[in-house]
Amino acid sequence: MTPDQPLPILATHGGKFHCDEVFAYAVLRLALGLREAGQDHVLRRTRKQDLIDTADIVWDVGFTFDAAAKRFDHHQRGAPLRIDDTPFSSAGLVWQVYGEQAVAALLRESGSEGFAAAIAAELDENVVRRIDEIDNGVSVAGPILRDTLGLASLIGDCNPTWDDPAGSGPTAGDAAFQEAAALALGMLRRRVEGLRARLAAEASVLAAHAAGEDPRILVLDRGMPWKNVVFSHDLPVLFTVSPASNGNWMLDTMPPEPGSFGQRLPLPEAWAGLPAEALATTTGVADAVFVHLRRFVGAAGSRAGAVALARKALAG
């Protein structure tokens, strides 16, 4: 945008705001690289049709859905539905066009844009769809229950109260809308980062397993989530070796199914609960540190020591 170009105009309805149009605004700002209303874009909160018609992007108002024309309302007859007949809210409609672009913008700093499509699809299913359901008061999975700690409730709480002077006048609720948008943006940023980290861990775990000498022993150079990767890819892992924050190397057993406290193969009973010196003597691993009495975890002072414990445990 050059100095002589007019600022793009983004429009949604005025008055009380809801999660869907607030979330949609956060998505648009990310996708389009917009920072602050009044500086690099104009935000119109209005129901005046002439002002709506002259906006560049309109959502949750205007009685028109036309993605090519950048109109994203869902209140009119014939409004679009998801494939399972769940009605879209303005958040869902905006997400279909701008969601992956918004996610890619958040991932750009870490150089992880390659995860954008997968993360956008997961967010659509687990976050945006829920916003659609709540805004429309429907759910194919069962009744809509009010969650007082959910995003929709927290954004709703940002609205001015009935006796707040900020809730009256031509700019009623505009400042509160921006506060709500910051809340939605922060949630989206953190959720994307969490999903990015999960996908990055999955890639690292699979690479480490492929490079390992024994498919039953997973050796990781950094601590990261690994159990769900083993389950989802049906890896034959029995033990995982990874560094601990105290300088030791941990030896973790693999549970037989998610949420289980059991082990596919527990560490040897003869090792359980021994002091370090006795454990080193019994195992033949000089820097063996401990094995839990319940035999689900152990440790050594070095990577080589932890791997040696795993190999000895496999040998019985």
Protein backbone atom coordinates (compact mmCIF):
# COMPACT_ATOMS: atom_id res chain seq x y z
CA MET A 1 0.00 0.00 0.00
CA THR A 2 1.46 3.32 -1.10
CA PRO A 3 0.82 6.61 0.74
CA ASP A 4 -1.57 7.85 -1.97
CA GLN A 5 -3.72 4.69 -1.89
CA PRO A 6 -6.90 4.75 0.20
CA LEU A 7 -6.98 2.50 3.23
CA PRO A 8 -8.92 -0.73 2.72
CA ILE A 9 -12.34 -0.63 4.38
CA LEU A 10 -13.45 -3.63 6.45
CA ALA A 11 -17.07 -3.65 7.58
CA THR A 12 -19.16 -5.64 10.01
CA HIS A 13 -22.25 -4.79 12.02
CA GLY A 14 -22.29 -2.39 14.94
CA GLY A 15 -23.84 -2.84 18.36
CA LYS A 16 -23.28 -5.94 20.46
CA PHE A 17 -20.57 -8.16 19.01
CA HIS A 18 -20.20 -11.92 19.06
CA CYS A 19 -17.42 -14.43 18.73
CA ASP A 20 -17.87 -15.07 15.01
CA GLU A 21 -17.37 -11.54 13.67
CA VAL A 22 -14.60 -10.80 16.20
CA PHE A 23 -12.73 -13.98 15.26
CA ALA A 24 -13.26 -13.26 11.56
CA TYR A 25 -11.76 -9.80 12.01
CA ALA A 26 -8.68 -11.28 13.72
CA VAL A 27 -8.29 -13.73 10.83
CA LEU A 28 -8.58 -10.99 8.23
CA ARG A 29 -5.99 -8.84 9.96
CA LEU A 30 -3.52 -11.71 10.03
CA ALA A 31 -4.17 -12.83 6.47
CA LEU A 32 -3.97 -9.32 5.03
CA GLY A 33 -1.07 -8.15 7.22
CA LEU A 34 -3.14 -5.42 8.89
CA ARG A 35 -2.07 -4.07 12.25
CA GLU A 36 -4.26 -1.28 13.56
CA ALA A 37 -7.57 0.25 12.52
CA GLY A 38 -7.12 3.85 11.45
CA GLN A 39 -3.50 3.32 10.46
CA ASP A 40 -3.47 0.66 7.73
CA HIS A 41 -7.21 -0.06 7.39
CA VAL A 42 -10.62 1.31 8.27
CA LEU A 43 -12.98 -0.73 10.41
CA ARG A 44 -16.65 0.15 9.95
CA ARG A 45 -19.08 -1.24 12.47
CA THR A 46 -22.41 -0.30 10.94
CA ARG A 47 -25.75 -1.53 9.63
CA LYS A 48 -26.11 1.31 7.12
CA GLN A 49 -26.34 -0.32 3.73
CA ASP A 50 -24.69 2.52 1.82
CA LEU A 51 -21.61 2.25 4.06
CA ILE A 52 -21.63 -1.52 3.77
CA ASP A 53 -21.84 -1.38 -0.03
CA THR A 54 -18.71 0.77 -0.33
CA ALA A 55 -16.55 -1.43 1.93
CA ASP A 56 -13.86 -3.67 0.47
CA ILE A 57 -14.61 -6.65 2.74
CA VAL A 58 -17.88 -7.23 4.58
CA TRP A 59 -18.76 -9.97 7.05
CA ASP A 60 -21.69 -10.86 9.31
CA VAL A 61 -23.86 -8.14 7.80
CA GLY A 62 -25.29 -7.20 4.40
CA PHE A 63 -27.35 -10.32 3.60
CA THR A 64 -24.92 -11.45 0.92
CA PHE A 65 -22.46 -14.30 0.61
CA ASP A 66 -20.16 -13.95 -2.36
CA ALA A 67 -16.57 -14.92 -1.65
CA ALA A 68 -15.36 -13.44 -4.94
CA ALA A 69 -16.90 -10.10 -3.99
CA LYS A 70 -15.57 -10.46 -0.42
CA ARG A 71 -19.02 -10.56 1.15
CA PHE A 72 -19.37 -13.04 4.02
CA ASP A 73 -22.80 -12.85 5.61
CA HIS A 74 -24.75 -15.90 6.79
CA HIS A 75 -28.11 -14.47 7.87
CA GLN A 76 -29.88 -14.54 4.50
CA ARG A 77 -32.01 -17.31 3.03
CA GLY A 78 -29.88 -19.82 1.19
CA ALA A 79 -26.79 -19.10 3.31
CA PRO A 80 -24.07 -21.73 2.80
CA LEU A 81 -23.80 -24.88 4.90
CA ARG A 82 -20.94 -27.18 5.75
CA ILE A 83 -20.92 -30.61 4.11
CA ASP A 84 -22.75 -32.06 7.15
CA ASP A 85 -25.38 -29.28 6.99
CA THR A 86 -23.94 -27.28 9.88
CA PRO A 87 -24.59 -23.63 9.01
CA PHE A 88 -21.56 -21.41 8.65
CA SER A 89 -21.11 -18.31 10.76
CA SER A 90 -19.16 -15.37 9.40
CA ALA A 91 -16.07 -16.87 11.06
CA GLY A 92 -16.44 -20.09 9.11
CA LEU A 93 -17.05 -18.29 5.82
CA VAL A 94 -14.05 -16.02 6.26
CA TRP A 95 -11.90 -18.96 7.38
CA GLN A 96 -12.59 -20.91 4.17
CA VAL A 97 -10.99 -18.10 2.16
CA TYR A 98 -8.44 -16.57 4.53
CA GLY A 99 -7.75 -19.20 7.20
CA GLU A 100 -4.72 -20.88 5.66
CA GLN A 101 -3.26 -17.48 4.76
CA ALA A 102 -3.72 -16.31 8.36
CA VAL A 103 -2.04 -19.44 9.72
CA ALA A 104 0.85 -19.06 7.26
CA ALA A 105 1.36 -15.50 8.49
CA LEU A 106 1.70 -16.76 12.06
CA LEU A 107 4.12 -19.50 10.98
CA ARG A 108 6.30 -17.27 8.83
CA GLU A 109 8.59 -16.16 11.65
CA SER A 110 9.53 -19.75 12.47
CA GLY A 111 9.84 -20.72 8.81
CA SER A 112 7.14 -23.36 9.22
CA GLU A 113 4.68 -22.28 6.53
CA GLY A 114 4.70 -25.85 5.24
CA PHE A 115 2.44 -26.78 8.15
CA ALA A 116 -0.14 -24.10 7.28
CA ALA A 117 -2.60 -26.28 5.35
CA ALA A 118 -2.66 -29.05 7.96
CA ILE A 119 -3.02 -26.60 10.86
CA ALA A 120 -5.73 -24.59 9.09
CA ALA A 121 -7.73 -27.77 8.45
CA GLU A 122 -7.44 -28.89 12.08
CA LEU A 123 -8.42 -25.46 13.38
CA ASP A 124 -11.39 -25.40 11.05
CA GLU A 125 -12.63 -28.70 12.45
CA ASN A 126 -11.92 -28.10 16.13
CA VAL A 127 -12.24 -24.33 16.60
CA VAL A 128 -13.98 -22.59 13.71
CA ARG A 129 -16.71 -25.20 13.37
CA ARG A 130 -17.46 -24.75 17.08
CA ILE A 131 -17.79 -21.00 16.58
CA ASP A 132 -20.20 -21.72 13.72
CA GLU A 133 -22.26 -24.03 15.92
CA ILE A 134 -22.46 -21.64 18.86
CA ASP A 135 -23.31 -18.63 16.72
CA ASN A 136 -26.12 -20.52 14.96
CA GLY A 137 -27.29 -22.40 18.05
CA VAL A 138 -26.96 -25.79 16.40
CA SER A 139 -24.72 -28.83 16.66
CA VAL A 140 -24.79 -32.15 14.83
CA ALA A 141 -23.06 -33.68 17.86
CA GLY A 142 -25.74 -32.75 20.41
CA PRO A 143 -27.17 -29.75 22.25
CA ILE A 144 -25.22 -26.52 22.52
CA LEU A 145 -24.06 -26.11 26.11
CA ARG A 146 -22.95 -22.75 27.48
CA ASP A 147 -19.27 -22.84 28.37
CA THR A 148 -18.53 -19.86 30.60
CA LEU A 149 -14.79 -20.32 30.04
CA GLY A 150 -15.04 -20.83 26.29
CA LEU A 151 -13.88 -18.32 23.69
CA ALA A 152 -17.42 -17.27 22.77
CA SER A 153 -18.24 -16.44 26.39
CA LEU A 154 -14.97 -14.61 26.99
CA ILE A 155 -15.46 -12.49 23.87
CA GLY A 156 -19.06 -11.83 24.84
CA ASP A 157 -17.83 -10.58 28.21
CA CYS A 158 -15.89 -7.84 26.40
CA ASN A 159 -19.12 -6.09 25.37
CA PRO A 160 -19.91 -2.92 27.35
CA THR A 161 -22.55 -3.43 30.02
CA TRP A 162 -25.96 -1.80 29.59
CA ASP A 163 -25.03 1.11 31.86
CA ASP A 164 -21.52 1.69 30.50
CA PRO A 165 -21.29 5.03 28.64
CA ALA A 166 -18.97 3.31 26.14
CA GLY A 167 -21.97 1.31 24.97
CA SER A 168 -23.78 4.38 23.63
CA GLY A 169 -23.13 6.77 20.77
CA PRO A 170 -21.81 6.46 17.21
CA THR A 171 -18.68 4.56 18.25
CA ALA A 172 -20.47 2.35 20.81
CA GLY A 173 -18.45 -0.75 21.59
CA ASP A 174 -15.69 -0.03 19.08
CA ALA A 175 -12.90 0.02 21.67
CA ALA A 176 -14.30 -3.10 23.32
CA PHE A 177 -14.46 -4.80 19.91
CA GLN A 178 -10.73 -4.21 19.48
CA GLU A 179 -10.07 -5.67 22.95
CA ALA A 180 -12.09 -8.73 22.00
CA ALA A 181 -10.19 -9.02 18.71
CA ALA A 182 -6.90 -8.96 20.61
CA LEU A 183 -8.21 -11.82 22.77
CA ALA A 184 -9.17 -13.85 19.70
CA LEU A 185 -5.86 -13.09 18.02
CA GLY A 186 -3.89 -14.19 21.08
CA MET A 187 -5.83 -17.44 21.30
CA LEU A 188 -5.33 -18.14 17.61
CA ARG A 189 -1.62 -17.35 17.81
CA ARG A 190 -1.11 -19.72 20.75
CA ARG A 191 -3.20 -22.49 19.20
CA VAL A 192 -1.27 -22.30 15.93
CA GLU A 193 2.04 -22.39 17.80
CA GLY A 194 0.94 -25.44 19.78
CA LEU A 195 -0.11 -27.29 16.63
CA ARG A 196 3.12 -26.27 14.89
CA ALA A 197 5.14 -27.68 17.77
CA ARG A 198 3.15 -30.90 17.70
CA LEU A 199 3.70 -31.37 13.96
CA ALA A 200 7.38 -30.51 14.31
CA ALA A 201 7.72 -33.09 17.08
CA GLU A 202 6.00 -35.68 14.92
CA ALA A 203 8.45 -35.06 12.09
CA SER A 204 11.42 -35.24 14.47
CA VAL A 205 10.22 -38.44 16.12
CA LEU A 206 9.65 -40.16 12.79
CA ALA A 207 13.07 -39.07 11.52
CA ALA A 208 14.78 -40.27 14.70
CA HIS A 209 13.00 -43.60 14.55
CA ALA A 210 13.95 -44.09 10.91
CA ALA A 211 17.58 -43.34 11.73
CA GLY A 212 17.74 -45.60 14.77
CA GLU A 213 19.69 -48.83 14.94
CA ASP A 214 16.88 -50.76 16.63
CA PRO A 215 13.22 -49.91 15.84
CA ARG A 216 12.29 -50.84 19.42
CA ILE A 217 14.51 -48.06 20.84
CA LEU A 218 13.68 -44.45 20.00
CA VAL A 219 16.54 -42.05 20.72
CA LEU A 220 15.74 -38.33 20.76
CA ASP A 221 18.28 -35.53 21.07
CA ARG A 222 15.69 -33.23 22.68
CA GLY A 223 12.73 -33.76 24.94
CA MET A 224 9.46 -33.59 22.99
CA PRO A 225 6.03 -35.28 22.83
CA TRP A 226 6.55 -38.72 21.36
CA LYS A 227 3.99 -41.22 22.65
CA ASN A 228 1.11 -40.09 20.45
CA VAL A 229 3.41 -40.28 17.41
CA VAL A 230 4.30 -43.87 18.27
CA PHE A 231 0.62 -44.74 18.62
CA SER A 232 -0.59 -42.92 15.52
CA HIS A 233 2.11 -44.41 13.30
CA ASP A 234 2.02 -47.84 14.96
CA LEU A 235 5.75 -47.84 15.66
CA PRO A 236 7.21 -50.90 17.48
CA VAL A 237 8.85 -48.72 20.15
CA LEU A 238 9.39 -50.23 23.59
CA PHE A 239 11.82 -47.68 25.07
CA THR A 240 12.60 -44.01 24.44
CA VAL A 241 15.85 -42.31 25.39
CA SER A 242 15.93 -38.51 25.72
CA PRO A 243 17.82 -35.84 27.70
CA ALA A 244 16.48 -34.50 31.01
CA SER A 245 16.85 -30.93 32.27
CA ASN A 246 19.16 -32.09 35.10
CA GLY A 247 21.77 -33.44 32.69
CA ASN A 248 20.78 -37.09 32.90
CA TRP A 249 19.34 -39.13 30.05
CA MET A 250 15.93 -40.63 30.67
CA LEU A 251 14.83 -44.10 29.69
CA ASP A 252 11.03 -44.19 29.30
CA THR A 253 8.92 -47.25 28.69
CA MET A 254 6.11 -47.27 26.16
CA PRO A 255 2.54 -47.81 27.43
CA PRO A 256 0.39 -50.41 25.64
CA GLU A 257 -2.36 -47.88 24.79
CA PRO A 258 -3.02 -44.15 25.23
CA GLY A 259 -3.65 -43.15 28.84
CA SER A 260 -2.34 -46.42 30.25
CA PHE A 261 0.08 -46.55 33.18
CA GLY A 262 1.29 -49.96 32.06
CA GLN A 263 4.25 -50.77 29.87
CA ARG A 264 4.67 -52.75 26.69
CA LEU A 265 7.82 -54.05 28.32
CA PRO A 266 8.67 -52.96 31.88
CA LEU A 267 12.26 -52.47 32.95
CA PRO A 268 13.75 -55.57 34.67
CA GLU A 269 12.46 -56.24 38.16
CA ALA A 270 16.01 -56.80 39.42
CA TRP A 271 16.81 -53.13 38.65
CA ALA A 272 13.82 -51.58 40.38
CA GLY A 273 14.46 -49.23 43.29
CA LEU A 274 18.22 -49.87 43.58
CA PRO A 275 20.61 -47.11 44.70
CA ALA A 276 22.81 -45.80 41.90
CA GLU A 277 25.92 -47.75 42.91
CA ALA A 278 24.03 -51.02 43.20
CA LEU A 279 22.19 -50.34 39.97
CA ALA A 280 25.45 -49.75 38.12
CA THR A 281 26.80 -53.04 39.45
CA THR A 282 23.63 -54.99 38.64
CA THR A 283 23.18 -53.59 35.12
CA GLY A 284 26.82 -53.32 34.16
CA VAL A 285 26.19 -49.71 33.07
CA ALA A 286 28.64 -47.54 34.95
CA ASP A 287 26.61 -44.33 34.93
CA ALA A 288 23.19 -45.87 35.59
CA VAL A 289 21.38 -43.54 37.99
CA PHE A 290 18.06 -45.10 38.91
CA VAL A 291 15.13 -47.25 37.86
CA HIS A 292 11.74 -46.46 39.35
CA LEU A 293 10.26 -49.02 41.69
CA ARG A 294 7.29 -49.31 39.29
CA ARG A 295 9.72 -50.03 36.43
CA PHE A 296 8.31 -47.50 33.96
CA VAL A 297 11.26 -45.10 33.87
CA GLY A 298 15.00 -45.07 34.49
CA ALA A 299 17.99 -42.83 33.91
CA ALA A 300 21.70 -42.77 33.24
CA GLY A 301 24.28 -40.03 33.24
CA SER A 302 24.84 -40.20 29.49
CA ARG A 303 23.05 -40.98 26.27
CA ALA A 304 25.22 -44.02 25.74
CA GLY A 305 24.40 -45.23 29.25
CA ALA A 306 20.64 -44.87 28.75
CA VAL A 307 20.82 -46.67 25.39
CA ALA A 308 22.86 -49.43 27.04
CA LEU A 309 20.15 -49.84 29.69
CA ALA A 310 17.51 -50.10 26.97
CA ARG A 311 19.47 -52.76 25.11
CA LYS A 312 20.07 -54.78 28.27
CA ALA A 313 16.35 -54.53 29.13
CA LEU A 314 15.48 -55.90 25.68
CA ALA A 315 17.93 -58.76 26.15
CA GLY A 316 16.22 -59.67 29.40
